[in-house]
PDB file of N, CA and C in Angstrom:
ATOM      1  N   MET A   1     154.703 164.669 213.169  1.00  0.00           N
ATOM      2  CA  MET A   1     154.983 163.441 213.870  1.00  0.00           C
ATOM      3  C   MET A   1     156.444 163.065 213.597  1.00  0.00           C
ATOM      4  N   VAL A   2     157.121 162.616 214.614  1.00  0.00           N
ATOM      5  CA  VAL A   2     158.531 162.250 214.509  1.00  0.00           C
ATOM      6  C   VAL A   2     158.697 160.783 214.877  1.00  0.00           C
ATOM      7  N   SER A   3     159.554 160.103 214.135  1.00  0.00           N
ATOM      8  CA  SER A   3     159.820 158.693 214.406  1.00  0.00           C
ATOM      9  C   SER A   3     161.209 158.544 215.012  1.00  0.00           C
ATOM     10  N   ASP A   4     161.352 157.600 215.927  1.00  0.00           N
ATOM     11  CA  ASP A   4     162.668 157.336 216.505  1.00  0.00           C
ATOM     12  C   ASP A   4     163.345 156.135 215.832  1.00  0.00           C
ATOM     13  N   ALA A   5     162.887 155.806 214.624  1.00  0.00           N
ATOM     14  CA  ALA A   5     163.444 154.675 213.874  1.00  0.00           C
ATOM     15  C   ALA A   5     164.916 154.920 213.556  1.00  0.00           C
ATOM     16  N   LYS A   6     165.689 153.845 213.577  1.00  0.00           N
ATOM     17  CA  LYS A   6     167.118 153.938 213.287  1.00  0.00           C
ATOM     18  C   LYS A   6     167.471 152.989 212.160  1.00  0.00           C
ATOM     19  N   GLY A   7     168.528 153.305 211.434  1.00  0.00           N
ATOM     20  CA  GLY A   7     168.991 152.447 210.348  1.00  0.00           C
ATOM     21  C   GLY A   7     168.168 152.569 209.076  1.00  0.00           C
ATOM     22  N   ILE A   8     167.484 153.697 208.905  1.00  0.00           N
ATOM     23  CA  ILE A   8     166.667 153.906 207.709  1.00  0.00           C
ATOM     24  C   ILE A   8     167.591 154.220 206.531  1.00  0.00           C
ATOM     25  N   PRO A   9     167.380 153.575 205.354  1.00  0.00           N
ATOM     26  CA  PRO A   9     168.243 153.834 204.199  1.00  0.00           C
ATOM     27  C   PRO A   9     168.130 155.285 203.734  1.00  0.00           C
ATOM     28  N   LEU A  10     169.256 155.865 203.362  1.00  0.00           N
ATOM     29  CA  LEU A  10     169.267 157.242 202.873  1.00  0.00           C
ATOM     30  C   LEU A  10     169.160 157.316 201.356  1.00  0.00           C
ATOM     31  N   GLU A  11     169.388 156.218 200.680  1.00  0.00           N
ATOM     32  CA  GLU A  11     169.346 156.208 199.218  1.00  0.00           C
ATOM     33  C   GLU A  11     168.411 155.113 198.740  1.00  0.00           C
ATOM     34  N   ILE A  12     167.772 155.378 197.581  1.00  0.00           N
ATOM     35  CA  ILE A  12     166.942 154.359 196.943  1.00  0.00           C
ATOM     36  C   ILE A  12     167.342 154.261 195.476  1.00  0.00           C
ATOM     37  N   GLY A  13     167.123 153.110 194.895  1.00  0.00           N
ATOM     38  CA  GLY A  13     167.356 152.900 193.471  1.00  0.00           C
ATOM     39  C   GLY A  13     166.034 152.486 192.847  1.00  0.00           C
ATOM     40  N   PRO A  14     165.500 153.269 191.915  1.00  0.00           N
ATOM     41  CA  PRO A  14     164.172 153.007 191.363  1.00  0.00           C
ATOM     42  C   PRO A  14     164.059 151.731 190.538  1.00  0.00           C
ATOM     43  N   GLY A  15     165.152 151.159 190.108  1.00  0.00           N
ATOM     44  CA  GLY A  15     165.103 149.927 189.321  1.00  0.00           C
ATOM     45  C   GLY A  15     164.914 150.177 187.845  1.00  0.00           C
ATOM     46  N   LYS A  16     164.812 149.076 187.110  1.00  0.00           N
ATOM     47  CA  LYS A  16     164.685 149.160 185.648  1.00  0.00           C
ATOM     48  C   LYS A  16     163.391 148.503 185.206  1.00  0.00           C
ATOM     49  N   LYS A  17     162.859 149.006 184.093  1.00  0.00           N
ATOM     50  CA  LYS A  17     161.638 148.425 183.528  1.00  0.00           C
ATOM     51  C   LYS A  17     161.921 147.052 182.931  1.00  0.00           C
ATOM     52  N   ILE A  18     160.926 146.187 183.009  1.00  0.00           N
ATOM     53  CA  ILE A  18     161.003 144.891 182.348  1.00  0.00           C
ATOM     54  C   ILE A  18     160.765 145.137 180.857  1.00  0.00           C
ATOM     55  N   LYS A  19     161.638 144.609 180.025  1.00  0.00           N
ATOM     56  CA  LYS A  19     161.559 144.849 178.583  1.00  0.00           C
ATOM     57  C   LYS A  19     160.194 144.450 178.038  1.00  0.00           C
ATOM     58  N   GLY A  20     159.562 145.351 177.270  1.00  0.00           N
ATOM     59  CA  GLY A  20     158.268 145.097 176.669  1.00  0.00           C
ATOM     60  C   GLY A  20     157.105 145.257 177.636  1.00  0.00           C
ATOM     61  N   SER A  21     157.364 145.860 178.798  1.00  0.00           N
ATOM     62  CA  SER A  21     156.338 146.012 179.827  1.00  0.00           C
ATOM     63  C   SER A  21     156.527 147.354 180.525  1.00  0.00           C
ATOM     64  N   GLU A  22     155.510 147.786 181.247  1.00  0.00           N
ATOM     65  CA  GLU A  22     155.639 149.004 182.055  1.00  0.00           C
ATOM     66  C   GLU A  22     155.991 148.662 183.493  1.00  0.00           C
ATOM     67  N   LYS A  23     156.164 147.377 183.810  1.00  0.00           N
ATOM     68  CA  LYS A  23     156.452 146.944 185.167  1.00  0.00           C
ATOM     69  C   LYS A  23     157.933 147.097 185.488  1.00  0.00           C
ATOM     70  N   ILE A  24     158.224 147.240 186.779  1.00  0.00           N
ATOM     71  CA  ILE A  24     159.596 147.385 187.258  1.00  0.00           C
ATOM     72  C   ILE A  24     160.089 146.046 187.789  1.00  0.00           C
ATOM     73  N   ASP A  25     161.312 145.690 187.443  1.00  0.00           N
ATOM     74  CA  ASP A  25     161.934 144.472 187.952  1.00  0.00           C
ATOM     75  C   ASP A  25     162.468 144.764 189.349  1.00  0.00           C
ATOM     76  N   LEU A  26     161.813 144.229 190.390  1.00  0.00           N
ATOM     77  CA  LEU A  26     162.207 144.517 191.767  1.00  0.00           C
ATOM     78  C   LEU A  26     163.618 144.036 192.089  1.00  0.00           C
ATOM     79  N   ALA A  27     164.125 143.089 191.332  1.00  0.00           N
ATOM     80  CA  ALA A  27     165.490 142.606 191.567  1.00  0.00           C
ATOM     81  C   ALA A  27     166.527 143.678 191.221  1.00  0.00           C
ATOM     82  N   THR A  28     166.144 144.689 190.449  1.00  0.00           N
ATOM     83  CA  THR A  28     167.075 145.750 190.054  1.00  0.00           C
ATOM     84  C   THR A  28     166.939 146.997 190.924  1.00  0.00           C
ATOM     85  N   THR A  29     166.062 146.964 191.917  1.00  0.00           N
ATOM     86  CA  THR A  29     165.880 148.120 192.788  1.00  0.00           C
ATOM     87  C   THR A  29     166.829 148.067 193.982  1.00  0.00           C
ATOM     88  N   GLN A  30     166.969 149.195 194.648  1.00  0.00           N
ATOM     89  CA  GLN A  30     167.791 149.261 195.855  1.00  0.00           C
ATOM     90  C   GLN A  30     166.959 149.912 196.953  1.00  0.00           C
ATOM     91  N   ASN A  31     166.769 149.202 198.068  1.00  0.00           N
ATOM     92  CA  ASN A  31     165.992 149.678 199.213  1.00  0.00           C
ATOM     93  C   ASN A  31     164.537 149.991 198.857  1.00  0.00           C
ATOM     94  N   VAL A  32     163.953 149.204 197.948  1.00  0.00           N
ATOM     95  CA  VAL A  32     162.553 149.355 197.544  1.00  0.00           C
ATOM     96  C   VAL A  32     161.857 148.032 197.823  1.00  0.00           C
ATOM     97  N   LYS A  33     160.706 148.086 198.511  1.00  0.00           N
ATOM     98  CA  LYS A  33     159.973 146.859 198.829  1.00  0.00           C
ATOM     99  C   LYS A  33     158.831 146.599 197.860  1.00  0.00           C
ATOM    100  N   TRP A  34     158.206 147.660 197.323  1.00  0.00           N
ATOM    101  CA  TRP A  34     157.115 147.476 196.380  1.00  0.00           C
ATOM    102  C   TRP A  34     157.018 148.693 195.480  1.00  0.00           C
ATOM    103  N   VAL A  35     156.330 148.521 194.360  1.00  0.00           N
ATOM    104  CA  VAL A  35     156.167 149.582 193.366  1.00  0.00           C
ATOM    105  C   VAL A  35     154.686 149.664 193.002  1.00  0.00           C
ATOM    106  N   ALA A  36     154.174 150.869 192.860  1.00  0.00           N
ATOM    107  CA  ALA A  36     152.789 151.070 192.440  1.00  0.00           C
ATOM    108  C   ALA A  36     152.764 152.078 191.296  1.00  0.00           C
ATOM    109  N   LYS A  37     151.966 151.811 190.313  1.00  0.00           N
ATOM    110  CA  LYS A  37     151.840 152.715 189.173  1.00  0.00           C
ATOM    111  C   LYS A  37     150.938 153.881 189.567  1.00  0.00           C
ATOM    112  N   SER A  38     151.347 155.075 189.204  1.00  0.00           N
ATOM    113  CA  SER A  38     150.522 156.243 189.491  1.00  0.00           C
ATOM    114  C   SER A  38     149.448 156.379 188.416  1.00  0.00           C
ATOM    115  N   ARG A  39     148.520 157.259 188.653  1.00  0.00           N
ATOM    116  CA  ARG A  39     147.426 157.449 187.693  1.00  0.00           C
ATOM    117  C   ARG A  39     147.960 157.901 186.338  1.00  0.00           C
ATOM    118  N   ALA A  40     147.271 157.476 185.305  1.00  0.00           N
ATOM    119  CA  ALA A  40     147.674 157.846 183.953  1.00  0.00           C
ATOM    120  C   ALA A  40     147.284 159.293 183.638  1.00  0.00           C
ATOM    121  N   THR A  41     146.236 159.775 184.277  1.00  0.00           N
ATOM    122  CA  THR A  41     145.804 161.147 184.033  1.00  0.00           C
ATOM    123  C   THR A  41     145.906 161.951 185.310  1.00  0.00           C
ATOM    124  N   ALA A  42     146.220 163.188 185.162  1.00  0.00           N
ATOM    125  CA  ALA A  42     146.325 164.058 186.333  1.00  0.00           C
ATOM    126  C   ALA A  42     144.973 164.704 186.604  1.00  0.00           C
ATOM    127  N   ARG A  43     144.625 164.768 187.856  1.00  0.00           N
ATOM    128  CA  ARG A  43     143.377 165.423 188.241  1.00  0.00           C
ATOM    129  C   ARG A  43     143.727 166.651 189.058  1.00  0.00           C
ATOM    130  N   PRO A  44     142.944 167.714 188.873  1.00  0.00           N
ATOM    131  CA  PRO A  44     143.203 168.901 189.684  1.00  0.00           C
ATOM    132  C   PRO A  44     142.838 168.649 191.142  1.00  0.00           C
ATOM    133  N   PRO A  45     143.468 169.333 192.068  1.00  0.00           N
ATOM    134  CA  PRO A  45     143.149 169.140 193.479  1.00  0.00           C
ATOM    135  C   PRO A  45     141.723 169.587 193.787  1.00  0.00           C
ATOM    136  N   SER A  46     141.135 169.010 194.812  1.00  0.00           N
ATOM    137  CA  SER A  46     139.807 169.418 195.226  1.00  0.00           C
ATOM    138  C   SER A  46     139.853 170.840 195.764  1.00  0.00           C
ATOM    139  N   ALA A  47     138.807 171.574 195.527  1.00  0.00           N
ATOM    140  CA  ALA A  47     138.736 172.955 196.002  1.00  0.00           C
ATOM    141  C   ALA A  47     137.772 173.039 197.175  1.00  0.00           C
ATOM    142  N   VAL A  48     138.120 173.836 198.150  1.00  0.00           N
ATOM    143  CA  VAL A  48     137.261 174.094 199.299  1.00  0.00           C
ATOM    144  C   VAL A  48     137.018 175.588 199.356  1.00  0.00           C
ATOM    145  N   ALA A  49     135.762 175.967 199.411  1.00  0.00           N
ATOM    146  CA  ALA A  49     135.425 177.381 199.416  1.00  0.00           C
ATOM    147  C   ALA A  49     134.675 177.737 200.690  1.00  0.00           C
ATOM    148  N   ARG A  50     134.891 178.936 201.132  1.00  0.00           N
ATOM    149  CA  ARG A  50     134.156 179.436 202.288  1.00  0.00           C
ATOM    150  C   ARG A  50     133.061 180.342 201.762  1.00  0.00           C
ATOM    151  N   CYS A  51     131.832 180.099 202.162  1.00  0.00           N
ATOM    152  CA  CYS A  51     130.711 180.917 201.668  1.00  0.00           C
ATOM    153  C   CYS A  51     130.241 181.902 202.705  1.00  0.00           C
TER     154      CYS A  51
END
């Protein structure tokens, strides 16, 4: 799928952590609207088998 959107930012700034927390201070980010924490543990991908 292709988008015809224009003016999309080419760079992002991940921001800095809030001291004493794992949260990100959105005021220190560049071209970021929201932040979500990823899972703490990694899970293997689902497997699909043909029988």
